[in-house]
């Protein structure tokens, strides 16, 4: 496989790449295997998975390019994507991260990225949120998009995974009243990272912030901000800098729970455990907001 990856790098860069052995293993999260590949001068970050996951890697590479084209925030540059025997691989620029920085620049840069918009909500490709398929069909109306391709989709998966009963009843009630959370608020289709928790953001040794592992689409920017608060949160100066660059609507206070419900349902579908109970608690809070 290393030979095939090296050949792909050579073809993509136009410069012979002969890697040194051994490779350096790196944590690839709960989904992929990952390692650093080097020829002593050039370094690349390589992810691998089963061959049938190639489309996941292709969508990730396309998402990184979508963000790169905005010239607003640093992401690793995609280099090559392919297959070797029964494994798929994705080669990215290797970035040395040390995590020592304030959140000010990240907040400003993310607001800049969000100002890049599309005519509709969705994206040109379906992709994945974690290991779960994420549909992104272009839709004119945000509430319709979020109902059908985010919450409704995850609730359907939850039913297939055995989470029925009150979770489904409450979910159906929320979907029927979804429009009420957007009274007086009309989001624009902003370019989103889509999976922006603390584990998918870091800082280079220069202090420059970087984001990675995206699940991009064009949607309400509040959805990105909401997820930054889901698993521990980002530094306070990140939120202050973002709001200074682009203030948030007052209704975000409630809608952030709505947006994070999508991710908690996804965790229930992927990992089980207590996530279904957490999702039901979030549904209770949201339904209490309905007039």
Protein backbone atom coordinates (compact mmCIF):
# COMPACT_ATOMS: atom_id res chain seq x y z
CA UNK A 1 0.00 0.00 0.00
CA UNK A 2 2.85 2.41 0.79
CA UNK A 3 4.16 2.03 -2.75
CA UNK A 4 0.74 2.86 -4.20
CA UNK A 5 0.40 5.90 -1.94
CA UNK A 6 3.88 7.09 -2.89
CA UNK A 7 3.04 6.69 -6.57
CA UNK A 8 -0.11 8.78 -6.07
CA UNK A 9 1.90 11.51 -4.35
CA UNK A 10 4.44 11.47 -7.18
CA UNK A 11 1.69 11.79 -9.78
CA UNK A 12 -0.13 14.53 -7.86
CA UNK A 13 2.95 16.65 -7.13
CA UNK A 14 4.97 15.95 -10.30
CA UNK A 15 7.98 15.16 -8.12
CA UNK A 16 9.32 11.70 -7.27
CA UNK A 17 8.41 10.69 -3.74
CA UNK A 18 10.32 7.81 -2.16
CA UNK A 19 9.19 7.37 1.46
CA UNK A 20 11.42 6.36 4.31
CA UNK A 21 10.45 3.41 6.45
CA UNK A 22 8.96 2.97 8.94
CA UNK A 23 5.91 5.20 8.90
CA UNK A 24 4.89 7.12 12.02
CA UNK A 25 1.47 6.13 13.35
CA UNK A 26 -0.88 8.98 14.32
CA UNK A 27 -4.28 8.85 15.97
CA UNK A 28 -6.95 8.75 13.26
CA UNK A 29 -9.95 9.15 15.51
CA UNK A 30 -12.57 6.43 15.96
CA UNK A 31 -13.07 5.89 12.22
CA UNK A 32 -9.76 5.83 10.34
CA UNK A 33 -6.18 4.69 10.74
CA UNK A 34 -3.62 7.43 10.16
CA UNK A 35 0.13 7.85 9.83
CA UNK A 36 2.81 10.28 8.71
CA UNK A 37 4.68 9.45 5.51
CA UNK A 38 8.02 11.17 4.89
CA UNK A 39 10.93 11.10 2.46
CA UNK A 40 13.09 13.03 4.90
CA UNK A 41 12.13 16.38 3.39
CA UNK A 42 8.44 16.25 2.60
CA UNK A 43 5.85 15.02 5.09
CA UNK A 44 2.29 13.90 4.43
CA UNK A 45 -0.63 12.92 6.64
CA UNK A 46 -2.29 9.74 5.37
CA UNK A 47 -5.68 8.32 6.38
CA UNK A 48 -6.74 4.79 5.49
CA UNK A 49 -9.98 2.84 5.71
CA UNK A 50 -11.79 0.06 3.89
CA UNK A 51 -11.94 0.38 0.11
CA UNK A 52 -15.69 1.05 0.18
CA UNK A 53 -14.94 4.23 2.16
CA UNK A 54 -13.17 5.89 -0.76
CA UNK A 55 -16.18 8.12 -1.47
CA UNK A 56 -15.97 9.37 2.14
CA UNK A 57 -12.36 10.42 1.54
CA UNK A 58 -13.22 12.00 -1.81
CA UNK A 59 -15.95 14.08 -0.19
CA UNK A 60 -13.58 15.13 2.59
CA UNK A 61 -10.99 16.24 0.05
CA UNK A 62 -13.64 18.18 -1.87
CA UNK A 63 -14.79 19.82 1.36
CA UNK A 64 -11.26 20.90 2.25
CA UNK A 65 -10.87 22.40 -1.22
CA UNK A 66 -14.18 24.24 -0.79
CA UNK A 67 -12.83 25.86 2.37
CA UNK A 68 -9.42 26.52 0.81
CA UNK A 69 -11.05 28.45 -2.02
CA UNK A 70 -12.44 30.98 0.48
CA UNK A 71 -8.90 31.96 1.58
CA UNK A 72 -10.26 32.67 5.06
CA UNK A 73 -9.05 29.88 7.34
CA UNK A 74 -6.25 27.32 7.24
CA UNK A 75 -7.03 23.69 6.43
CA UNK A 76 -4.70 20.90 5.31
CA UNK A 77 -4.38 20.83 1.54
CA UNK A 78 -5.58 17.57 -0.09
CA UNK A 79 -2.86 15.88 -2.13
CA UNK A 80 -4.17 12.53 -3.37
CA UNK A 81 -6.94 10.00 -2.88
CA UNK A 82 -7.10 6.41 -4.10
CA UNK A 83 -7.20 2.69 -3.35
CA UNK A 84 -4.64 -0.01 -2.73
CA UNK A 85 -5.89 -3.60 -2.63
CA UNK A 86 -8.76 -3.57 -0.11
CA UNK A 87 -7.98 -0.16 1.44
CA UNK A 88 -8.80 3.42 0.50
CA UNK A 89 -6.45 6.25 1.35
CA UNK A 90 -6.43 10.04 1.57
CA UNK A 91 -3.17 12.00 1.52
CA UNK A 92 -3.13 15.48 3.04
CA UNK A 93 -0.57 18.17 3.73
CA UNK A 94 1.11 17.42 7.06
CA UNK A 95 0.73 20.27 9.54
CA UNK A 96 2.62 20.45 12.83
CA UNK A 97 0.16 21.52 15.52
CA UNK A 98 0.87 22.49 19.10
CA UNK A 99 -2.43 24.01 20.22
CA UNK A 100 -0.97 27.03 22.07
CA UNK A 101 -3.03 30.04 21.03
CA UNK A 102 -6.03 32.17 21.90
CA UNK A 103 -9.28 31.72 20.01
CA UNK A 104 -9.44 35.28 18.66
CA UNK A 105 -8.07 34.57 15.19
CA UNK A 106 -10.09 31.39 14.86
CA UNK A 107 -13.28 33.30 15.68
CA UNK A 108 -12.53 36.00 13.13
CA UNK A 109 -11.49 33.53 10.46
CA UNK A 110 -14.55 31.34 10.96
CA UNK A 111 -16.83 34.37 10.61
CA UNK A 112 -15.02 35.18 7.37
CA UNK A 113 -15.57 31.65 6.07
CA UNK A 114 -19.25 31.83 6.98
CA UNK A 115 -19.64 34.94 4.82
CA UNK A 116 -19.07 32.77 1.75
CA UNK A 117 -22.56 31.78 0.67
CA UNK A 118 -24.45 29.77 -1.96
CA UNK A 119 -27.84 30.29 -3.65
CA UNK A 120 -29.34 27.29 -1.80
CA UNK A 121 -28.84 25.14 1.29
CA UNK A 122 -26.94 21.87 0.83
CA UNK A 123 -23.88 20.98 -1.19
CA UNK A 124 -22.78 19.41 -4.46
CA UNK A 125 -21.95 16.10 -2.72
CA UNK A 126 -23.32 13.97 0.05
CA UNK A 127 -20.66 13.32 2.70
CA UNK A 128 -20.40 11.82 6.17
CA UNK A 129 -20.82 13.03 9.74
CA UNK A 130 -18.56 10.68 11.61
CA UNK A 131 -19.23 7.39 9.86
CA UNK A 132 -22.86 8.27 9.09
CA UNK A 133 -24.05 9.22 5.62
CA UNK A 134 -24.97 12.91 5.48
CA UNK A 135 -27.35 13.90 2.63
CA UNK A 136 -26.88 17.38 1.16
CA UNK A 137 -29.41 17.76 -1.68
CA UNK A 138 -29.79 21.42 -2.66
CA UNK A 139 -32.90 22.95 -1.04
CA UNK A 140 -34.33 26.48 -1.23
CA UNK A 141 -35.70 26.58 2.31
CA UNK A 142 -33.52 26.05 5.40
CA UNK A 143 -36.30 24.66 7.60
CA UNK A 144 -37.17 22.10 4.92
CA UNK A 145 -33.50 21.16 4.57
CA UNK A 146 -32.91 20.80 8.30
CA UNK A 147 -36.16 18.89 8.81
CA UNK A 148 -35.63 16.39 6.01
CA UNK A 149 -31.87 15.99 5.70
CA UNK A 150 -30.71 16.52 9.26
CA UNK A 151 -33.14 15.86 12.15
CA UNK A 152 -35.64 13.75 10.20
CA UNK A 153 -32.86 11.66 8.69
CA UNK A 154 -31.25 10.97 12.07
CA UNK A 155 -34.60 10.15 13.68
CA UNK A 156 -35.26 7.65 10.89
CA UNK A 157 -31.89 6.01 11.55
CA UNK A 158 -32.68 5.98 15.27
CA UNK A 159 -35.92 4.11 14.59
CA UNK A 160 -33.99 1.54 12.55
CA UNK A 161 -31.53 1.20 15.45
CA UNK A 162 -34.29 0.43 17.93
CA UNK A 163 -34.83 3.90 19.40
CA UNK A 164 -38.59 4.16 19.11
CA UNK A 165 -41.33 5.07 21.54
CA UNK A 166 -41.19 8.48 23.18
CA UNK A 167 -38.03 9.54 21.30
CA UNK A 168 -39.85 9.18 18.00
CA UNK A 169 -43.08 10.74 19.24
CA UNK A 170 -41.26 13.77 20.57
CA UNK A 171 -39.14 13.94 17.44
CA UNK A 172 -42.20 13.96 15.20
CA UNK A 173 -43.74 16.74 17.29
CA UNK A 174 -40.57 18.82 17.02
CA UNK A 175 -40.41 18.35 13.24
CA UNK A 176 -44.02 19.48 12.91
CA UNK A 177 -43.26 22.69 14.82
CA UNK A 178 -39.75 23.30 13.49
CA UNK A 179 -40.71 26.52 11.71
CA UNK A 180 -41.57 28.14 15.05
CA UNK A 181 -37.88 28.30 15.98
CA UNK A 182 -37.23 30.56 12.98
CA UNK A 183 -39.88 33.25 13.47
CA UNK A 184 -38.27 36.53 12.45
CA UNK A 185 -34.99 34.86 11.54
CA UNK A 186 -33.90 33.94 8.01
CA UNK A 187 -30.47 32.30 7.82
CA UNK A 188 -28.36 32.58 4.69
CA UNK A 189 -26.64 29.50 3.18
CA UNK A 190 -23.17 29.95 4.72
CA UNK A 191 -20.27 27.61 4.07
CA UNK A 192 -20.03 25.42 7.19
CA UNK A 193 -17.33 23.13 8.49
CA UNK A 194 -20.17 20.87 9.62
CA UNK A 195 -18.37 18.96 12.38
CA UNK A 196 -16.68 21.72 14.34
CA UNK A 197 -15.92 20.39 17.81
CA UNK A 198 -12.68 20.93 19.72
CA UNK A 199 -11.04 17.81 18.29
CA UNK A 200 -11.28 19.20 14.75
CA UNK A 201 -9.53 22.52 15.44
CA UNK A 202 -5.97 23.26 16.47
CA UNK A 203 -3.16 25.77 16.17
CA UNK A 204 0.08 25.67 14.20
CA UNK A 205 3.40 26.48 15.85
CA UNK A 206 3.13 29.92 14.22
CA UNK A 207 -0.08 30.57 16.17
CA UNK A 208 -2.27 30.27 13.06
CA UNK A 209 -5.53 28.40 13.70
CA UNK A 210 -6.39 25.39 11.55
CA UNK A 211 -9.55 23.29 11.15
CA UNK A 212 -9.79 19.80 9.63
CA UNK A 213 -12.00 16.70 9.23
CA UNK A 214 -14.90 18.70 7.76
CA UNK A 215 -18.43 17.60 6.85
CA UNK A 216 -19.09 20.70 4.76
CA UNK A 217 -22.36 22.04 3.41
CA UNK A 218 -24.06 25.41 3.07
CA UNK A 219 -26.38 26.06 5.99
CA UNK A 220 -27.15 28.30 8.94
CA UNK A 221 -23.87 29.48 10.46
CA UNK A 222 -25.41 28.99 13.90
CA UNK A 223 -25.09 25.23 13.36
CA UNK A 224 -21.28 25.51 13.36
CA UNK A 225 -21.26 27.79 16.40
CA UNK A 226 -23.61 25.45 18.25
CA UNK A 227 -21.37 22.44 17.82
CA UNK A 228 -18.37 24.33 19.19
CA UNK A 229 -20.32 24.42 22.48
CA UNK A 230 -21.31 20.74 22.50
CA UNK A 231 -18.20 18.95 23.78
CA UNK A 232 -16.52 21.28 26.24
CA UNK A 233 -16.64 24.46 24.20
CA UNK A 234 -14.01 26.73 22.69
CA UNK A 235 -12.21 29.56 24.56
CA UNK A 236 -14.33 32.56 25.56
CA UNK A 237 -12.27 34.87 23.33
CA UNK A 238 -13.25 32.75 20.32
CA UNK A 239 -16.94 33.55 20.84
CA UNK A 240 -16.24 37.21 21.58
CA UNK A 241 -14.18 37.57 18.41
CA UNK A 242 -16.78 35.80 16.29
CA UNK A 243 -19.63 37.96 17.62
CA UNK A 244 -17.56 41.09 17.06
CA UNK A 245 -16.97 40.07 13.45
CA UNK A 246 -20.58 38.95 12.87
CA UNK A 247 -23.11 39.27 15.72
CA UNK A 248 -25.52 36.41 16.36
CA UNK A 249 -29.30 36.62 16.51
CA UNK A 250 -30.86 36.48 19.96
CA UNK A 251 -32.69 33.27 19.02
CA UNK A 252 -29.38 31.40 18.86
CA UNK A 253 -29.74 30.80 22.62
CA UNK A 254 -32.53 28.30 21.88
CA UNK A 255 -31.59 27.15 18.39
CA UNK A 256 -28.15 25.92 19.48
CA UNK A 257 -29.89 23.05 21.29
CA UNK A 258 -31.86 22.33 18.12
CA UNK A 259 -28.69 22.15 16.06
CA UNK A 260 -26.79 20.05 18.58
CA UNK A 261 -29.68 17.58 18.75
CA UNK A 262 -28.59 16.48 15.26
CA UNK A 263 -25.13 15.55 16.53
CA UNK A 264 -26.36 13.87 19.70
CA UNK A 265 -28.79 11.75 17.66
CA UNK A 266 -25.90 10.85 15.38
CA UNK A 267 -23.85 9.77 18.39
CA UNK A 268 -26.77 7.65 19.57
CA UNK A 269 -26.90 5.99 16.17
CA UNK A 270 -23.14 5.43 16.07
CA UNK A 271 -22.29 4.61 19.67
CA UNK A 272 -25.49 3.96 21.63
CA UNK A 273 -24.88 4.38 25.33
CA UNK A 274 -26.59 7.33 26.99
CA UNK A 275 -26.83 9.48 23.87
CA UNK A 276 -30.45 8.50 23.15
CA UNK A 277 -31.46 9.61 26.65
CA UNK A 278 -29.53 12.86 26.16
CA UNK A 279 -31.34 13.41 22.84
CA UNK A 280 -34.71 12.89 24.51
CA UNK A 281 -33.82 15.40 27.22
CA UNK A 282 -32.91 17.92 24.52
CA UNK A 283 -36.22 17.24 22.79
CA UNK A 284 -38.05 17.98 26.05
CA UNK A 285 -36.30 21.34 26.36
CA UNK A 286 -37.04 22.26 22.77
CA UNK A 287 -40.70 21.22 22.93
CA UNK A 288 -41.09 23.38 26.05
CA UNK A 289 -40.16 26.39 23.88
CA UNK A 290 -43.08 25.83 21.51
CA UNK A 291 -46.01 28.17 22.04
